[in-house]
């Protein structure tokens, strides 16, 4: 999470809820409070950093924490935090400090995790540590999906894929982006094959595996520990049963779109995950086919749409060029998946 310029939060971030939680959790009387909006990804909207000053008989003390507003289906994130605690895996995420409810919105009070540095991912070892953490998540015995976390994900993915295609067609038509014209038939082909791709991908993981579902550099922070830096995974609103390769490919590919070192050591990073899972670090043809199929699912789930929308909203040549570059990187993932799928 990277702080933006402070802005005045909108309801339902009620200061009464904040004051009640702060005084109950930290003790003392609230004297002052500062609220900053934090950046969010596909699901992480309504996220705020709160810095508070309290007074108690021992004197003044400072406290800071994060508040996340979870609306509707996003309230399932609360269940995921509790599941992590129940499985003694809470170290994978920020600690859930408390919860308040305001109508259909849950206010999640979360630990503020100070990052070691703004961009630690030039270090391949640090990037590999994230994959080791994912291996721990994927090895958890989570049991059946709780009723309040039920999500018709395959239907949601189909809708997202169709929306991605429509957005891509629109920018090609309205913005005249010639280099992206070939992406339309490619995307149509993969959407038509998506049900079969999903069946093949999920069949390769016969046992229920819980995945994070939204792995990218904006959703990972390195926490400083006595034993060294430790990755903490943020924004669990898309957590669900799925293929572990969806998390692995999302992390390695999205990181590689920004960091040359991750591209250079792509296979090394993937093998780091396999070793952490206790699997043979062999990336044969079958494995790579599944890997690129998982990458295509991630692209169609929202990663590609995010950058297509950014292109549609670009107001300067620099922003337009940056958006096109990132779109083309995700399209390379789609092309690899398309070639792998048709090769059988």
Protein backbone atom coordinates (compact mmCIF):
# COMPACT_ATOMS: atom_id res chain seq x y z
CA UNK A 1 0.00 0.00 0.00
CA UNK A 2 1.44 3.37 -1.01
CA UNK A 3 0.02 6.53 0.59
CA UNK A 4 -1.58 9.11 -1.67
CA UNK A 5 -1.97 12.77 -0.86
CA UNK A 6 -4.29 13.02 2.18
CA UNK A 7 -7.93 13.31 1.23
CA UNK A 8 -11.09 13.62 3.28
CA UNK A 9 -12.66 10.15 3.41
CA UNK A 10 -16.29 9.62 2.46
CA UNK A 11 -18.91 7.94 4.58
CA UNK A 12 -19.28 5.27 5.91
CA UNK A 13 -15.80 5.85 7.43
CA UNK A 14 -17.46 7.25 10.54
CA UNK A 15 -15.10 8.91 13.01
CA UNK A 16 -17.24 7.58 15.86
CA UNK A 17 -16.37 4.03 14.81
CA UNK A 18 -12.71 5.00 14.56
CA UNK A 19 -12.68 6.71 17.95
CA UNK A 20 -14.47 3.81 19.65
CA UNK A 21 -12.07 1.24 18.20
CA UNK A 22 -8.97 3.32 18.96
CA UNK A 23 -9.85 3.92 22.59
CA UNK A 24 -10.97 0.32 23.15
CA UNK A 25 -7.98 -1.32 21.45
CA UNK A 26 -5.17 1.00 22.54
CA UNK A 27 -6.58 2.43 25.78
CA UNK A 28 -6.87 6.08 26.76
CA UNK A 29 -8.76 9.07 25.39
CA UNK A 30 -8.44 10.02 21.72
CA UNK A 31 -6.88 13.46 21.31
CA UNK A 32 -6.25 13.76 17.57
CA UNK A 33 -6.63 11.69 14.42
CA UNK A 34 -5.20 11.88 10.92
CA UNK A 35 -6.62 9.84 8.03
CA UNK A 36 -4.94 9.17 4.67
CA UNK A 37 -6.35 7.33 1.70
CA UNK A 38 -4.22 4.41 0.52
CA UNK A 39 -3.90 3.12 -3.00
CA UNK A 40 -6.02 0.12 -3.91
CA UNK A 41 -5.91 -2.54 -6.62
CA UNK A 42 -8.74 -4.36 -8.35
CA UNK A 43 -10.57 -4.98 -5.09
CA UNK A 44 -8.85 -2.73 -2.54
CA UNK A 45 -11.02 0.39 -2.62
CA UNK A 46 -11.86 2.36 0.50
CA UNK A 47 -8.59 1.72 2.34
CA UNK A 48 -7.29 4.26 4.86
CA UNK A 49 -4.29 4.69 7.14
CA UNK A 50 -5.23 6.14 10.51
CA UNK A 51 -2.70 7.85 12.81
CA UNK A 52 -4.02 8.64 16.27
CA UNK A 53 -2.80 10.41 19.39
CA UNK A 54 -4.20 9.22 22.73
CA UNK A 55 -3.82 10.29 26.34
CA UNK A 56 -3.98 7.95 29.33
CA UNK A 57 -2.80 8.18 32.96
CA UNK A 58 0.71 7.18 31.87
CA UNK A 59 0.90 10.04 29.36
CA UNK A 60 0.55 10.37 25.60
CA UNK A 61 0.88 7.56 23.11
CA UNK A 62 0.66 7.23 19.33
CA UNK A 63 -1.13 4.50 17.41
CA UNK A 64 -1.63 3.74 13.76
CA UNK A 65 -3.66 1.16 11.89
CA UNK A 66 -5.47 0.56 8.59
CA UNK A 67 -9.21 0.65 8.02
CA UNK A 68 -10.67 -1.15 5.03
CA UNK A 69 -14.31 -0.79 4.00
CA UNK A 70 -15.68 -4.13 2.80
CA UNK A 71 -18.99 -3.84 0.95
CA UNK A 72 -21.27 -6.64 -0.20
CA UNK A 73 -19.28 -9.59 -1.55
CA UNK A 74 -16.03 -7.99 -0.37
CA UNK A 75 -17.15 -8.75 3.20
CA UNK A 76 -15.93 -12.28 2.50
CA UNK A 77 -12.45 -10.89 3.18
CA UNK A 78 -13.35 -10.80 6.88
CA UNK A 79 -14.02 -14.55 6.80
CA UNK A 80 -10.64 -15.10 5.13
CA UNK A 81 -8.80 -13.22 7.88
CA UNK A 82 -10.55 -15.36 10.47
CA UNK A 83 -9.71 -18.51 8.50
CA UNK A 84 -6.05 -17.50 8.47
CA UNK A 85 -6.16 -17.11 12.26
CA UNK A 86 -7.90 -20.47 12.71
CA UNK A 87 -5.19 -22.16 10.64
CA UNK A 88 -2.34 -20.38 12.49
CA UNK A 89 -1.43 -18.68 9.22
CA UNK A 90 -2.19 -15.12 10.32
CA UNK A 91 1.46 -14.12 9.75
CA UNK A 92 0.74 -14.30 6.01
CA UNK A 93 -1.45 -11.19 6.28
CA UNK A 94 -1.76 -8.06 8.42
CA UNK A 95 -3.37 -8.90 11.78
CA UNK A 96 -7.09 -8.30 12.04
CA UNK A 97 -7.39 -6.01 15.07
CA UNK A 98 -11.15 -5.57 15.13
CA UNK A 99 -14.36 -5.22 13.14
CA UNK A 100 -17.30 -2.80 13.12
CA UNK A 101 -20.46 -3.02 11.04
CA UNK A 102 -22.33 -0.16 9.38
CA UNK A 103 -25.29 -1.53 7.44
CA UNK A 104 -24.00 -3.62 4.54
CA UNK A 105 -20.42 -2.44 5.13
CA UNK A 106 -17.87 -4.04 7.42
CA UNK A 107 -15.01 -1.87 8.69
CA UNK A 108 -11.94 -4.04 9.03
CA UNK A 109 -9.35 -2.64 11.44
CA UNK A 110 -6.00 -4.03 10.34
CA UNK A 111 -2.42 -3.86 11.51
CA UNK A 112 -0.34 -1.16 9.82
CA UNK A 113 2.75 -2.86 8.37
CA UNK A 114 5.64 -0.42 7.80
CA UNK A 115 7.38 -1.46 4.56
CA UNK A 116 11.10 -2.19 4.59
CA UNK A 117 11.45 -0.08 1.43
CA UNK A 118 9.27 1.20 -1.39
CA UNK A 119 10.48 -1.25 -4.06
CA UNK A 120 12.43 -4.28 -2.76
CA UNK A 121 11.84 -6.46 -5.83
CA UNK A 122 15.14 -5.87 -7.62
CA UNK A 123 16.37 -8.47 -5.15
CA UNK A 124 15.43 -11.83 -6.66
CA UNK A 125 15.69 -13.46 -3.23
CA UNK A 126 13.00 -11.12 -1.87
CA UNK A 127 10.74 -11.94 -4.82
CA UNK A 128 11.36 -15.64 -4.19
CA UNK A 129 10.40 -15.27 -0.51
CA UNK A 130 6.91 -14.24 -1.67
CA UNK A 131 6.60 -17.52 -3.55
CA UNK A 132 7.70 -19.41 -0.44
CA UNK A 133 4.89 -17.68 1.47
CA UNK A 134 2.44 -18.64 -1.26
CA UNK A 135 3.57 -22.25 -0.93
CA UNK A 136 2.68 -22.11 2.76
CA UNK A 137 -0.77 -20.73 1.91
CA UNK A 138 -1.36 -23.41 -0.73
CA UNK A 139 -0.35 -26.21 1.65
CA UNK A 140 -2.90 -25.18 4.28
CA UNK A 141 -5.73 -27.56 5.19
CA UNK A 142 -8.58 -25.11 4.90
CA UNK A 143 -11.50 -27.53 4.64
CA UNK A 144 -14.71 -26.76 2.72
CA UNK A 145 -15.48 -23.23 1.57
CA UNK A 146 -17.37 -21.36 4.32
CA UNK A 147 -20.90 -20.41 3.31
CA UNK A 148 -20.22 -16.69 3.75
CA UNK A 149 -17.26 -16.94 1.35
CA UNK A 150 -19.15 -18.66 -1.45
CA UNK A 151 -18.37 -17.02 -4.78
CA UNK A 152 -19.54 -18.10 -8.23
CA UNK A 153 -16.05 -17.36 -9.52
CA UNK A 154 -16.33 -19.07 -12.89
CA UNK A 155 -19.34 -16.91 -13.76
CA UNK A 156 -17.56 -13.80 -12.49
CA UNK A 157 -14.49 -14.67 -14.59
CA UNK A 158 -16.64 -15.11 -17.70
CA UNK A 159 -18.24 -11.72 -17.16
CA UNK A 160 -14.86 -10.08 -16.56
CA UNK A 161 -13.43 -11.65 -19.72
CA UNK A 162 -16.36 -10.35 -21.79
CA UNK A 163 -15.93 -6.88 -20.27
CA UNK A 164 -12.22 -6.98 -21.09
CA UNK A 165 -12.98 -7.81 -24.73
CA UNK A 166 -15.52 -4.97 -24.98
CA UNK A 167 -13.07 -2.49 -23.46
CA UNK A 168 -10.32 -3.65 -25.81
CA UNK A 169 -12.57 -3.30 -28.85
CA UNK A 170 -13.57 0.18 -27.72
CA UNK A 171 -10.03 1.54 -27.35
CA UNK A 172 -9.05 0.06 -30.71
CA UNK A 173 -12.10 1.68 -32.32
CA UNK A 174 -12.16 5.01 -30.49
CA UNK A 175 -8.49 5.63 -29.82
CA UNK A 176 -7.14 4.13 -33.05
CA UNK A 177 -4.52 1.96 -31.33
CA UNK A 178 -3.37 0.00 -34.38
CA UNK A 179 -0.84 -2.23 -32.55
CA UNK A 180 -3.71 -3.73 -30.52
CA UNK A 181 -5.97 -4.73 -33.42
CA UNK A 182 -4.64 -8.29 -33.47
CA UNK A 183 -5.49 -8.64 -29.80
CA UNK A 184 -9.24 -8.72 -30.47
CA UNK A 185 -9.42 -12.08 -32.33
CA UNK A 186 -6.87 -13.55 -29.89
CA UNK A 187 -8.98 -12.54 -26.91
CA UNK A 188 -12.17 -13.82 -28.54
CA UNK A 189 -10.52 -17.19 -29.15
CA UNK A 190 -9.39 -17.54 -25.54
CA UNK A 191 -12.77 -16.49 -24.16
CA UNK A 192 -14.45 -19.16 -26.29
CA UNK A 193 -12.02 -21.74 -24.88
CA UNK A 194 -12.18 -20.42 -21.32
CA UNK A 195 -14.58 -23.08 -19.90
CA UNK A 196 -12.33 -25.90 -21.17
CA UNK A 197 -9.19 -24.08 -20.04
CA UNK A 198 -10.62 -23.71 -16.55
CA UNK A 199 -11.58 -27.39 -16.37
CA UNK A 200 -8.09 -28.48 -17.42
CA UNK A 201 -6.42 -26.07 -15.00
CA UNK A 202 -8.51 -27.03 -11.98
CA UNK A 203 -8.31 -30.75 -12.76
CA UNK A 204 -4.53 -30.49 -12.32
CA UNK A 205 -5.13 -29.62 -8.61
CA UNK A 206 -7.41 -32.44 -7.43
CA UNK A 207 -7.30 -31.34 -3.79
CA UNK A 208 -8.95 -28.09 -2.70
CA UNK A 209 -6.30 -25.35 -2.61
CA UNK A 210 -7.02 -21.88 -1.28
CA UNK A 211 -5.34 -19.13 -3.26
CA UNK A 212 -4.87 -15.41 -2.64
CA UNK A 213 -6.34 -14.57 -6.03
CA UNK A 214 -4.84 -11.09 -6.58
CA UNK A 215 -1.06 -11.37 -6.48
CA UNK A 216 0.89 -8.37 -7.77
CA UNK A 217 3.55 -6.03 -6.34
CA UNK A 218 0.96 -3.62 -4.94
CA UNK A 219 -0.43 -6.38 -2.71
CA UNK A 220 2.80 -7.41 -1.00
CA UNK A 221 4.83 -5.59 1.66
CA UNK A 222 8.09 -6.71 3.23
CA UNK A 223 7.89 -6.55 7.04
CA UNK A 224 11.11 -6.14 9.03
CA UNK A 225 11.77 -9.03 11.44
CA UNK A 226 14.77 -9.93 13.59
CA UNK A 227 15.39 -12.88 11.26
CA UNK A 228 15.13 -10.68 8.16
CA UNK A 229 12.46 -9.26 5.86
CA UNK A 230 9.18 -11.19 5.77
CA UNK A 231 6.52 -10.84 3.02
CA UNK A 232 3.00 -9.87 4.10
CA UNK A 233 0.16 -10.38 1.62
CA UNK A 234 -2.50 -7.65 1.40
CA UNK A 235 -6.03 -7.45 -0.01
CA UNK A 236 -7.62 -10.89 0.44
CA UNK A 237 -10.98 -9.98 -1.12
CA UNK A 238 -10.42 -12.36 -4.06
CA UNK A 239 -9.24 -15.35 -1.97
CA UNK A 240 -10.98 -18.57 -3.03
CA UNK A 241 -10.37 -22.20 -3.97
CA UNK A 242 -8.46 -22.37 -7.24
CA UNK A 243 -5.29 -23.44 -8.97
CA UNK A 244 -2.07 -22.51 -7.14
CA UNK A 245 -0.60 -21.64 -10.53
CA UNK A 246 -3.00 -18.70 -10.69
CA UNK A 247 -1.14 -17.13 -7.75
CA UNK A 248 2.31 -18.17 -8.98
CA UNK A 249 1.84 -16.90 -12.53
CA UNK A 250 0.15 -13.70 -11.34
CA UNK A 251 3.08 -12.85 -9.07
CA UNK A 252 5.92 -13.75 -11.42
CA UNK A 253 4.33 -12.25 -14.53
CA UNK A 254 3.04 -9.02 -13.01
CA UNK A 255 6.35 -8.45 -11.24
CA UNK A 256 8.19 -9.14 -14.49
CA UNK A 257 6.17 -6.43 -16.23
CA UNK A 258 7.85 -3.88 -13.98
CA UNK A 259 11.12 -5.43 -12.87
CA UNK A 260 13.79 -6.61 -15.37
CA UNK A 261 15.40 -8.87 -12.75
CA UNK A 262 12.15 -10.82 -12.39
CA UNK A 263 12.01 -11.34 -16.16
CA UNK A 264 15.64 -12.43 -16.24
CA UNK A 265 15.16 -14.97 -13.44
CA UNK A 266 11.62 -16.03 -14.38
CA UNK A 267 12.24 -19.79 -14.30
CA UNK A 268 14.36 -19.55 -11.15
CA UNK A 269 11.46 -17.87 -9.34
CA UNK A 270 8.95 -20.49 -10.46
CA UNK A 271 11.28 -23.28 -9.35
CA UNK A 272 11.62 -21.57 -5.96
CA UNK A 273 7.89 -22.10 -5.50
CA UNK A 274 8.03 -25.73 -6.61
CA UNK A 275 10.84 -26.52 -4.16
CA UNK A 276 8.93 -24.78 -1.34
CA UNK A 277 5.93 -26.99 -2.12
CA UNK A 278 8.12 -30.09 -1.93
CA UNK A 279 7.69 -30.73 -5.67
CA UNK A 280 10.25 -31.57 -8.31
CA UNK A 281 11.50 -28.28 -9.81
CA UNK A 282 10.79 -29.49 -13.34
CA UNK A 283 9.07 -27.13 -15.76
CA UNK A 284 8.19 -29.55 -18.54
CA UNK A 285 5.83 -28.96 -21.45
CA UNK A 286 2.74 -29.98 -19.46
CA UNK A 287 3.63 -27.69 -16.57
CA UNK A 288 4.31 -24.72 -18.84
CA UNK A 289 1.00 -25.26 -20.63
CA UNK A 290 -0.88 -25.07 -17.32
CA UNK A 291 1.23 -22.12 -16.19
CA UNK A 292 0.39 -20.01 -19.24
CA UNK A 293 -3.26 -21.02 -19.06
CA UNK A 294 -3.32 -19.76 -15.47
CA UNK A 295 -1.71 -16.53 -16.68
CA UNK A 296 -4.45 -16.07 -19.28
CA UNK A 297 -7.10 -16.54 -16.58
CA UNK A 298 -5.42 -13.82 -14.51
CA UNK A 299 -5.31 -11.47 -17.49
CA UNK A 300 -9.00 -11.99 -18.26
CA UNK A 301 -9.96 -11.75 -14.57
CA UNK A 302 -9.11 -8.05 -14.55
CA UNK A 303 -5.37 -7.50 -14.95
CA UNK A 304 -5.60 -6.70 -18.67
CA UNK A 305 -8.81 -4.68 -18.26
CA UNK A 306 -7.11 -2.46 -15.68
CA UNK A 307 -4.55 -1.27 -18.22
CA UNK A 308 -7.05 -1.08 -21.09
CA UNK A 309 -9.16 1.26 -18.96
CA UNK A 310 -6.02 3.27 -18.14
CA UNK A 311 -5.40 3.67 -21.88
CA UNK A 312 -8.95 4.84 -22.43
CA UNK A 313 -8.47 7.49 -19.74
CA UNK A 314 -4.93 8.54 -20.74
CA UNK A 315 -4.66 12.28 -21.34
CA UNK A 316 -0.95 12.59 -22.14
CA UNK A 317 1.30 10.81 -24.66
CA UNK A 318 3.43 9.44 -21.82
CA UNK A 319 0.45 7.86 -20.02
CA UNK A 320 -0.86 6.51 -23.30
CA UNK A 321 2.51 4.93 -24.13
CA UNK A 322 2.84 3.43 -20.63
CA UNK A 323 -0.63 1.88 -20.81
CA UNK A 324 0.00 0.42 -24.28
CA UNK A 325 3.29 -1.10 -23.10
CA UNK A 326 1.61 -2.86 -20.16
CA UNK A 327 -1.29 -4.03 -22.33
CA UNK A 328 1.18 -5.55 -24.79
CA UNK A 329 2.95 -7.37 -21.94
CA UNK A 330 -0.31 -8.99 -20.83
CA UNK A 331 -1.14 -9.78 -24.45
CA UNK A 332 2.13 -11.72 -24.67
CA UNK A 333 0.81 -13.87 -21.82
CA UNK A 334 -2.41 -14.43 -23.79
CA UNK A 335 -0.45 -15.37 -26.91
CA UNK A 336 1.63 -17.91 -24.97
CA UNK A 337 -1.54 -19.36 -23.46
CA UNK A 338 -3.26 -19.48 -26.83
CA UNK A 339 -0.33 -21.27 -28.46
CA UNK A 340 -0.01 -23.72 -25.55
CA UNK A 341 -3.74 -24.48 -25.53
CA UNK A 342 -4.01 -25.07 -29.27
CA UNK A 343 -0.87 -27.21 -29.29
CA UNK A 344 -2.66 -29.54 -26.83
